[in-house]
Amino acid sequence: MAIDVTLHFDDDEEKALLTNMVDIDKYWQNAKSVKLSRVMNRLVVLASDRNPDKIPIEQKKQIIRDNAFETAAERNARMVEQIGSK
């Protein structure tokens, strides 16, 4: 599964954002890269004894492909169920 995400900002929102950042697209691309790196590193640590800082991205992706992880939606549902059963 792969997804494409498009963000839309009206003129006023764009004007506001440009007072805070030079390039809106670069900002969001960087935010995606930072978040993705942190999450992938966390999953590598959970699934292996490897140091994520010492392995290339393709090996990280393979570790993630080879393992099953609970999604955020699944984790939230489990937590709601646990709270409800108390």
PDB file of N, CA and C in Angstrom:
ATOM      1  N   MET A   1       0.844  -1.175   0.000  1.00  0.00           N
ATOM      2  CA  MET A   1       0.000   0.000   0.000  1.00  0.00           C
ATOM      3  C   MET A   1       0.893   1.243   0.000  1.00  0.00           C
ATOM      4  N   ALA A   2       0.619   2.127  -0.879  1.00  0.00           N
ATOM      5  CA  ALA A   2       1.304   3.426  -0.928  1.00  0.00           C
ATOM      6  C   ALA A   2       0.231   4.498  -1.021  1.00  0.00           C
ATOM      7  N   ILE A   3       0.523   5.640  -0.467  1.00  0.00           N
ATOM      8  CA  ILE A   3      -0.454   6.732  -0.524  1.00  0.00           C
ATOM      9  C   ILE A   3       0.212   8.009  -1.008  1.00  0.00           C
ATOM     10  N   ASP A   4      -0.563   8.823  -1.673  1.00  0.00           N
ATOM     11  CA  ASP A   4      -0.160  10.181  -2.030  1.00  0.00           C
ATOM     12  C   ASP A   4      -1.042  11.123  -1.230  1.00  0.00           C
ATOM     13  N   VAL A   5      -0.451  12.136  -0.677  1.00  0.00           N
ATOM     14  CA  VAL A   5      -1.192  13.103   0.128  1.00  0.00           C
ATOM     15  C   VAL A   5      -1.033  14.481  -0.502  1.00  0.00           C
ATOM     16  N   THR A   6      -2.137  15.175  -0.647  1.00  0.00           N
ATOM     17  CA  THR A   6      -2.113  16.539  -1.167  1.00  0.00           C
ATOM     18  C   THR A   6      -2.677  17.459  -0.098  1.00  0.00           C
ATOM     19  N   LEU A   7      -1.973  18.520   0.168  1.00  0.00           N
ATOM     20  CA  LEU A   7      -2.442  19.517   1.118  1.00  0.00           C
ATOM     21  C   LEU A   7      -2.901  20.739   0.349  1.00  0.00           C
ATOM     22  N   HIS A   8      -4.012  21.307   0.764  1.00  0.00           N
ATOM     23  CA  HIS A   8      -4.519  22.520   0.119  1.00  0.00           C
ATOM     24  C   HIS A   8      -4.569  23.635   1.155  1.00  0.00           C
ATOM     25  N   PHE A   9      -4.017  24.767   0.794  1.00  0.00           N
ATOM     26  CA  PHE A   9      -4.080  25.959   1.632  1.00  0.00           C
ATOM     27  C   PHE A   9      -4.704  27.071   0.805  1.00  0.00           C
ATOM     28  N   ASP A  10      -5.690  27.759   1.373  1.00  0.00           N
ATOM     29  CA  ASP A  10      -6.250  28.893   0.644  1.00  0.00           C
ATOM     30  C   ASP A  10      -5.257  30.056   0.725  1.00  0.00           C
ATOM     31  N   ASP A  11      -5.562  31.144   0.046  1.00  0.00           N
ATOM     32  CA  ASP A  11      -4.629  32.274  -0.033  1.00  0.00           C
ATOM     33  C   ASP A  11      -4.256  32.829   1.343  1.00  0.00           C
ATOM     34  N   ASP A  12      -5.255  32.927   2.224  1.00  0.00           N
ATOM     35  CA  ASP A  12      -4.993  33.471   3.560  1.00  0.00           C
ATOM     36  C   ASP A  12      -4.109  32.533   4.376  1.00  0.00           C
ATOM     37  N   GLU A  13      -4.365  31.235   4.267  1.00  0.00           N
ATOM     38  CA  GLU A  13      -3.542  30.258   4.983  1.00  0.00           C
ATOM     39  C   GLU A  13      -2.106  30.256   4.448  1.00  0.00           C
ATOM     40  N   GLU A  14      -1.984  30.334   3.132  1.00  0.00           N
ATOM     41  CA  GLU A  14      -0.645  30.396   2.533  1.00  0.00           C
ATOM     42  C   GLU A  14       0.101  31.638   3.013  1.00  0.00           C
ATOM     43  N   LYS A  15      -0.587  32.768   3.011  1.00  0.00           N
ATOM     44  CA  LYS A  15       0.037  34.009   3.467  1.00  0.00           C
ATOM     45  C   LYS A  15       0.516  33.871   4.914  1.00  0.00           C
ATOM     46  N   ALA A  16      -0.316  33.280   5.751  1.00  0.00           N
ATOM     47  CA  ALA A  16       0.055  33.087   7.153  1.00  0.00           C
ATOM     48  C   ALA A  16       1.264  32.163   7.277  1.00  0.00           C
ATOM     49  N   LEU A  17       1.251  31.043   6.558  1.00  0.00           N
ATOM     50  CA  LEU A  17       2.370  30.098   6.634  1.00  0.00           C
ATOM     51  C   LEU A  17       3.675  30.706   6.147  1.00  0.00           C
ATOM     52  N   LEU A  18       3.597  31.527   5.119  1.00  0.00           N
ATOM     53  CA  LEU A  18       4.821  32.121   4.572  1.00  0.00           C
ATOM     54  C   LEU A  18       5.449  33.163   5.490  1.00  0.00           C
ATOM     55  N   THR A  19       4.734  33.559   6.541  1.00  0.00           N
ATOM     56  CA  THR A  19       5.373  34.417   7.552  1.00  0.00           C
ATOM     57  C   THR A  19       6.220  33.587   8.506  1.00  0.00           C
ATOM     58  N   ASN A  20       6.047  32.253   8.441  1.00  0.00           N
ATOM     59  CA  ASN A  20       6.735  31.366   9.370  1.00  0.00           C
ATOM     60  C   ASN A  20       7.734  30.438   8.700  1.00  0.00           C
ATOM     61  N   MET A  21       7.611  30.255   7.394  1.00  0.00           N
ATOM     62  CA  MET A  21       8.503  29.344   6.678  1.00  0.00           C
ATOM     63  C   MET A  21       8.773  29.885   5.283  1.00  0.00           C
ATOM     64  N   VAL A  22       9.933  29.571   4.753  1.00  0.00           N
ATOM     65  CA  VAL A  22      10.330  30.078   3.438  1.00  0.00           C
ATOM     66  C   VAL A  22       9.640  29.295   2.326  1.00  0.00           C
ATOM     67  N   ASP A  23       9.560  27.974   2.475  1.00  0.00           N
ATOM     68  CA  ASP A  23       9.003  27.118   1.428  1.00  0.00           C
ATOM     69  C   ASP A  23       8.075  26.107   2.077  1.00  0.00           C
ATOM     70  N   ILE A  24       6.784  26.232   1.838  1.00  0.00           N
ATOM     71  CA  ILE A  24       5.781  25.381   2.481  1.00  0.00           C
ATOM     72  C   ILE A  24       5.989  23.915   2.107  1.00  0.00           C
ATOM     73  N   ASP A  25       6.212  23.628   0.835  1.00  0.00           N
ATOM     74  CA  ASP A  25       6.388  22.244   0.398  1.00  0.00           C
ATOM     75  C   ASP A  25       7.618  21.618   1.050  1.00  0.00           C
ATOM     76  N   LYS A  26       8.734  22.330   1.045  1.00  0.00           N
ATOM     77  CA  LYS A  26       9.952  21.794   1.665  1.00  0.00           C
ATOM     78  C   LYS A  26       9.740  21.540   3.159  1.00  0.00           C
ATOM     79  N   TYR A  27       9.000  22.411   3.810  1.00  0.00           N
ATOM     80  CA  TYR A  27       8.715  22.238   5.230  1.00  0.00           C
ATOM     81  C   TYR A  27       7.997  20.913   5.470  1.00  0.00           C
ATOM     82  N   TRP A  28       6.931  20.646   4.697  1.00  0.00           N
ATOM     83  CA  TRP A  28       6.152  19.422   4.905  1.00  0.00           C
ATOM     84  C   TRP A  28       6.929  18.183   4.476  1.00  0.00           C
ATOM     85  N   GLN A  29       7.740  18.297   3.429  1.00  0.00           N
ATOM     86  CA  GLN A  29       8.580  17.161   3.023  1.00  0.00           C
ATOM     87  C   GLN A  29       9.582  16.833   4.137  1.00  0.00           C
ATOM     88  N   ASN A  30      10.166  17.854   4.737  1.00  0.00           N
ATOM     89  CA  ASN A  30      11.105  17.637   5.834  1.00  0.00           C
ATOM     90  C   ASN A  30      10.394  17.035   7.049  1.00  0.00           C
ATOM     91  N   ALA A  31       9.219  17.545   7.366  1.00  0.00           N
ATOM     92  CA  ALA A  31       8.457  17.011   8.500  1.00  0.00           C
ATOM     93  C   ALA A  31       8.148  15.531   8.287  1.00  0.00           C
ATOM     94  N   LYS A  32       7.771  15.168   7.062  1.00  0.00           N
ATOM     95  CA  LYS A  32       7.504  13.764   6.732  1.00  0.00           C
ATOM     96  C   LYS A  32       8.757  12.928   6.913  1.00  0.00           C
ATOM     97  N   SER A  33       9.887  13.414   6.431  1.00  0.00           N
ATOM     98  CA  SER A  33      11.144  12.663   6.516  1.00  0.00           C
ATOM     99  C   SER A  33      11.574  12.448   7.961  1.00  0.00           C
ATOM    100  N   VAL A  34      11.453  13.470   8.776  1.00  0.00           N
ATOM    101  CA  VAL A  34      11.849  13.362  10.179  1.00  0.00           C
ATOM    102  C   VAL A  34      10.947  12.374  10.914  1.00  0.00           C
ATOM    103  N   LYS A  35       9.639  12.496  10.727  1.00  0.00           N
ATOM    104  CA  LYS A  35       8.688  11.592  11.384  1.00  0.00           C
ATOM    105  C   LYS A  35       8.920  10.161  10.936  1.00  0.00           C
ATOM    106  N   LEU A  36       9.066   9.961   9.638  1.00  0.00           N
ATOM    107  CA  LEU A  36       9.275   8.628   9.103  1.00  0.00           C
ATOM    108  C   LEU A  36      10.557   8.003   9.638  1.00  0.00           C
ATOM    109  N   SER A  37      11.615   8.769   9.705  1.00  0.00           N
ATOM    110  CA  SER A  37      12.887   8.265  10.232  1.00  0.00           C
ATOM    111  C   SER A  37      12.738   7.820  11.682  1.00  0.00           C
ATOM    112  N   ARG A  38      12.085   8.627  12.491  1.00  0.00           N
ATOM    113  CA  ARG A  38      11.894   8.277  13.908  1.00  0.00           C
ATOM    114  C   ARG A  38      11.059   7.018  14.072  1.00  0.00           C
ATOM    115  N   VAL A  39       9.966   6.920  13.325  1.00  0.00           N
ATOM    116  CA  VAL A  39       9.084   5.756  13.434  1.00  0.00           C
ATOM    117  C   VAL A  39       9.792   4.498  12.935  1.00  0.00           C
ATOM    118  N   MET A  40      10.467   4.585  11.802  1.00  0.00           N
ATOM    119  CA  MET A  40      11.166   3.419  11.273  1.00  0.00           C
ATOM    120  C   MET A  40      12.262   2.959  12.236  1.00  0.00           C
ATOM    121  N   ASN A  41      12.991   3.891  12.816  1.00  0.00           N
ATOM    122  CA  ASN A  41      14.026   3.530  13.774  1.00  0.00           C
ATOM    123  C   ASN A  41      13.431   2.832  14.993  1.00  0.00           C
ATOM    124  N   ARG A  42      12.294   3.323  15.463  1.00  0.00           N
ATOM    125  CA  ARG A  42      11.626   2.694  16.615  1.00  0.00           C
ATOM    126  C   ARG A  42      11.198   1.273  16.284  1.00  0.00           C
ATOM    127  N   LEU A  43      10.677   1.057  15.086  1.00  0.00           N
ATOM    128  CA  LEU A  43      10.243  -0.281  14.687  1.00  0.00           C
ATOM    129  C   LEU A  43      11.423  -1.232  14.539  1.00  0.00           C
ATOM    130  N   VAL A  44      12.534  -0.739  14.013  1.00  0.00           N
ATOM    131  CA  VAL A  44      13.738  -1.575  13.894  1.00  0.00           C
ATOM    132  C   VAL A  44      14.190  -2.015  15.277  1.00  0.00           C
ATOM    133  N   VAL A  45      14.181  -1.107  16.240  1.00  0.00           N
ATOM    134  CA  VAL A  45      14.577  -1.449  17.607  1.00  0.00           C
ATOM    135  C   VAL A  45      13.622  -2.489  18.197  1.00  0.00           C
ATOM    136  N   LEU A  46      12.322  -2.332  17.963  1.00  0.00           N
ATOM    137  CA  LEU A  46      11.342  -3.281  18.485  1.00  0.00           C
ATOM    138  C   LEU A  46      11.500  -4.677  17.883  1.00  0.00           C
ATOM    139  N   ALA A  47      11.867  -4.741  16.617  1.00  0.00           N
ATOM    140  CA  ALA A  47      11.846  -6.013  15.892  1.00  0.00           C
ATOM    141  C   ALA A  47      13.204  -6.693  15.783  1.00  0.00           C
ATOM    142  N   SER A  48      14.265  -6.026  16.187  1.00  0.00           N
ATOM    143  CA  SER A  48      15.589  -6.620  15.987  1.00  0.00           C
ATOM    144  C   SER A  48      16.547  -6.158  17.076  1.00  0.00           C
ATOM    145  N   ASP A  49      17.732  -6.710  17.025  1.00  0.00           N
ATOM    146  CA  ASP A  49      18.783  -6.271  17.938  1.00  0.00           C
ATOM    147  C   ASP A  49      19.734  -5.308  17.241  1.00  0.00           C
ATOM    148  N   ARG A  50      19.292  -4.789  16.095  1.00  0.00           N
ATOM    149  CA  ARG A  50      20.129  -3.903  15.284  1.00  0.00           C
ATOM    150  C   ARG A  50      20.029  -2.462  15.749  1.00  0.00           C
ATOM    151  N   ASN A  51      21.115  -1.725  15.573  1.00  0.00           N
ATOM    152  CA  ASN A  51      21.129  -0.293  15.830  1.00  0.00           C
ATOM    153  C   ASN A  51      20.670   0.402  14.553  1.00  0.00           C
ATOM    154  N   PRO A  52      19.518   1.061  14.576  1.00  0.00           N
ATOM    155  CA  PRO A  52      18.995   1.666  13.345  1.00  0.00           C
ATOM    156  C   PRO A  52      19.896   2.733  12.749  1.00  0.00           C
ATOM    157  N   ASP A  53      20.748   3.328  13.561  1.00  0.00           N
ATOM    158  CA  ASP A  53      21.666   4.347  13.047  1.00  0.00           C
ATOM    159  C   ASP A  53      22.801   3.736  12.233  1.00  0.00           C
ATOM    160  N   LYS A  54      22.960   2.422  12.324  1.00  0.00           N
ATOM    161  CA  LYS A  54      24.085   1.744  11.676  1.00  0.00           C
ATOM    162  C   LYS A  54      23.688   0.947  10.442  1.00  0.00           C
ATOM    163  N   ILE A  55      22.408   0.987  10.072  1.00  0.00           N
ATOM    164  CA  ILE A  55      21.991   0.193   8.907  1.00  0.00           C
ATOM    165  C   ILE A  55      21.327   1.082   7.856  1.00  0.00           C
ATOM    166  N   PRO A  56      21.481   0.721   6.592  1.00  0.00           N
ATOM    167  CA  PRO A  56      20.884   1.530   5.521  1.00  0.00           C
ATOM    168  C   PRO A  56      19.358   1.403   5.481  1.00  0.00           C
ATOM    169  N   ILE A  57      18.749   2.355   4.830  1.00  0.00           N
ATOM    170  CA  ILE A  57      17.283   2.435   4.772  1.00  0.00           C
ATOM    171  C   ILE A  57      16.665   1.174   4.184  1.00  0.00           C
ATOM    172  N   GLU A  58      17.279   0.580   3.181  1.00  0.00           N
ATOM    173  CA  GLU A  58      16.695  -0.631   2.574  1.00  0.00           C
ATOM    174  C   GLU A  58      16.637  -1.785   3.563  1.00  0.00           C
ATOM    175  N   GLN A  59      17.635  -1.902   4.435  1.00  0.00           N
ATOM    176  CA  GLN A  59      17.597  -2.947   5.460  1.00  0.00           C
ATOM    177  C   GLN A  59      16.524  -2.646   6.502  1.00  0.00           C
ATOM    178  N   LYS A  60      16.346  -1.369   6.826  1.00  0.00           N
ATOM    179  CA  LYS A  60      15.274  -0.986   7.745  1.00  0.00           C
ATOM    180  C   LYS A  60      13.919  -1.371   7.155  1.00  0.00           C
ATOM    181  N   LYS A  61      13.737  -1.069   5.862  1.00  0.00           N
ATOM    182  CA  LYS A  61      12.478  -1.401   5.205  1.00  0.00           C
ATOM    183  C   LYS A  61      12.239  -2.903   5.195  1.00  0.00           C
ATOM    184  N   GLN A  62      13.292  -3.682   4.994  1.00  0.00           N
ATOM    185  CA  GLN A  62      13.149  -5.142   4.983  1.00  0.00           C
ATOM    186  C   GLN A  62      12.741  -5.652   6.365  1.00  0.00           C
ATOM    187  N   ILE A  63      13.339  -5.118   7.409  1.00  0.00           N
ATOM    188  CA  ILE A  63      12.962  -5.508   8.769  1.00  0.00           C
ATOM    189  C   ILE A  63      11.492  -5.184   9.014  1.00  0.00           C
ATOM    190  N   ILE A  64      11.047  -4.025   8.567  1.00  0.00           N
ATOM    191  CA  ILE A  64       9.649  -3.629   8.744  1.00  0.00           C
ATOM    192  C   ILE A  64       8.724  -4.523   7.933  1.00  0.00           C
ATOM    193  N   ARG A  65       9.118  -4.854   6.689  1.00  0.00           N
ATOM    194  CA  ARG A  65       8.314  -5.762   5.854  1.00  0.00           C
ATOM    195  C   ARG A  65       8.178  -7.142   6.490  1.00  0.00           C
ATOM    196  N   ASP A  66       9.239  -7.602   7.118  1.00  0.00           N
ATOM    197  CA  ASP A  66       9.286  -8.968   7.641  1.00  0.00           C
ATOM    198  C   ASP A  66       8.598  -9.146   8.992  1.00  0.00           C
ATOM    199  N   ASN A  67       8.123  -8.071   9.579  1.00  0.00           N
ATOM    200  CA  ASN A  67       7.519  -8.144  10.910  1.00  0.00           C
ATOM    201  C   ASN A  67       6.123  -7.546  10.905  1.00  0.00           C
ATOM    202  N   ALA A  68       5.318  -8.014  11.849  1.00  0.00           N
ATOM    203  CA  ALA A  68       3.963  -7.484  12.017  1.00  0.00           C
ATOM    204  C   ALA A  68       3.983  -6.481  13.170  1.00  0.00           C
ATOM    205  N   PHE A  69       3.377  -5.346  12.966  1.00  0.00           N
ATOM    206  CA  PHE A  69       3.309  -4.312  13.989  1.00  0.00           C
ATOM    207  C   PHE A  69       1.861  -3.878  14.166  1.00  0.00           C
ATOM    208  N   GLU A  70       1.501  -3.560  15.390  1.00  0.00           N
ATOM    209  CA  GLU A  70       0.177  -3.046  15.685  1.00  0.00           C
ATOM    210  C   GLU A  70       0.070  -1.631  15.121  1.00  0.00           C
ATOM    211  N   THR A  71      -1.007  -1.348  14.398  1.00  0.00           N
ATOM    212  CA  THR A  71      -1.210   0.005  13.884  1.00  0.00           C
ATOM    213  C   THR A  71      -1.684   0.914  15.022  1.00  0.00           C
ATOM    214  N   ALA A  72      -1.602   2.202  14.798  1.00  0.00           N
ATOM    215  CA  ALA A  72      -2.080   3.153  15.805  1.00  0.00           C
ATOM    216  C   ALA A  72      -3.575   2.949  16.061  1.00  0.00           C
ATOM    217  N   ALA A  73      -4.344   2.675  15.008  1.00  0.00           N
ATOM    218  CA  ALA A  73      -5.783   2.452  15.171  1.00  0.00           C
ATOM    219  C   ALA A  73      -6.034   1.196  16.005  1.00  0.00           C
ATOM    220  N   GLU A  74      -5.278   0.140  15.746  1.00  0.00           N
ATOM    221  CA  GLU A  74      -5.421  -1.091  16.533  1.00  0.00           C
ATOM    222  C   GLU A  74      -5.039  -0.850  17.994  1.00  0.00           C
ATOM    223  N   ARG A  75      -3.960  -0.129  18.217  1.00  0.00           N
ATOM    224  CA  ARG A  75      -3.512   0.170  19.579  1.00  0.00           C
ATOM    225  C   ARG A  75      -4.564   1.003  20.312  1.00  0.00           C
ATOM    226  N   ASN A  76      -5.121   2.015  19.639  1.00  0.00           N
ATOM    227  CA  ASN A  76      -6.154   2.845  20.260  1.00  0.00           C
ATOM    228  C   ASN A  76      -7.380   2.021  20.625  1.00  0.00           C
ATOM    229  N   ALA A  77      -7.810   1.133  19.718  1.00  0.00           N
ATOM    230  CA  ALA A  77      -8.974   0.287  19.983  1.00  0.00           C
ATOM    231  C   ALA A  77      -8.709  -0.636  21.170  1.00  0.00           C
ATOM    232  N   ARG A  78      -7.509  -1.203  21.227  1.00  0.00           N
ATOM    233  CA  ARG A  78      -7.149  -2.085  22.343  1.00  0.00           C
ATOM    234  C   ARG A  78      -7.164  -1.309  23.655  1.00  0.00           C
ATOM    235  N   MET A  79      -6.639  -0.104  23.642  1.00  0.00           N
ATOM    236  CA  MET A  79      -6.599   0.694  24.865  1.00  0.00           C
ATOM    237  C   MET A  79      -8.000   1.103  25.317  1.00  0.00           C
ATOM    238  N   VAL A  80      -8.850   1.455  24.373  1.00  0.00           N
ATOM    239  CA  VAL A  80     -10.243   1.806  24.712  1.00  0.00           C
ATOM    240  C   VAL A  80     -10.935   0.591  25.322  1.00  0.00           C
ATOM    241  N   GLU A  81     -10.688  -0.577  24.738  1.00  0.00           N
ATOM    242  CA  GLU A  81     -11.287  -1.810  25.268  1.00  0.00           C
ATOM    243  C   GLU A  81     -10.767  -2.105  26.670  1.00  0.00           C
ATOM    244  N   GLN A  82      -9.468  -1.921  26.889  1.00  0.00           N
ATOM    245  CA  GLN A  82      -8.899  -2.164  28.210  1.00  0.00           C
ATOM    246  C   GLN A  82      -9.476  -1.208  29.246  1.00  0.00           C
ATOM    247  N   ILE A  83      -9.633   0.047  28.879  1.00  0.00           N
ATOM    248  CA  ILE A  83     -10.199   1.039  29.797  1.00  0.00           C
ATOM    249  C   ILE A  83     -11.644   0.697  30.107  1.00  0.00           C
ATOM    250  N   GLY A  84     -12.391   0.262  29.080  1.00  0.00           N
ATOM    251  CA  GLY A  84     -13.792  -0.079  29.257  1.00  0.00           C
ATOM    252  C   GLY A  84     -14.013  -1.309  30.122  1.00  0.00           C
ATOM    253  N   SER A  85     -13.024  -2.191  30.162  1.00  0.00           N
ATOM    254  CA  SER A  85     -13.199  -3.420  30.947  1.00  0.00           C
ATOM    255  C   SER A  85     -12.816  -3.236  32.409  1.00  0.00           C
ATOM    256  N   LYS A  86     -12.405  -2.044  32.787  1.00  0.00           N
ATOM    257  CA  LYS A  86     -12.015  -1.797  34.191  1.00  0.00           C
ATOM    258  C   LYS A  86     -13.174  -1.283  34.978  1.00  0.00           C
TER     259      LYS A  86
END
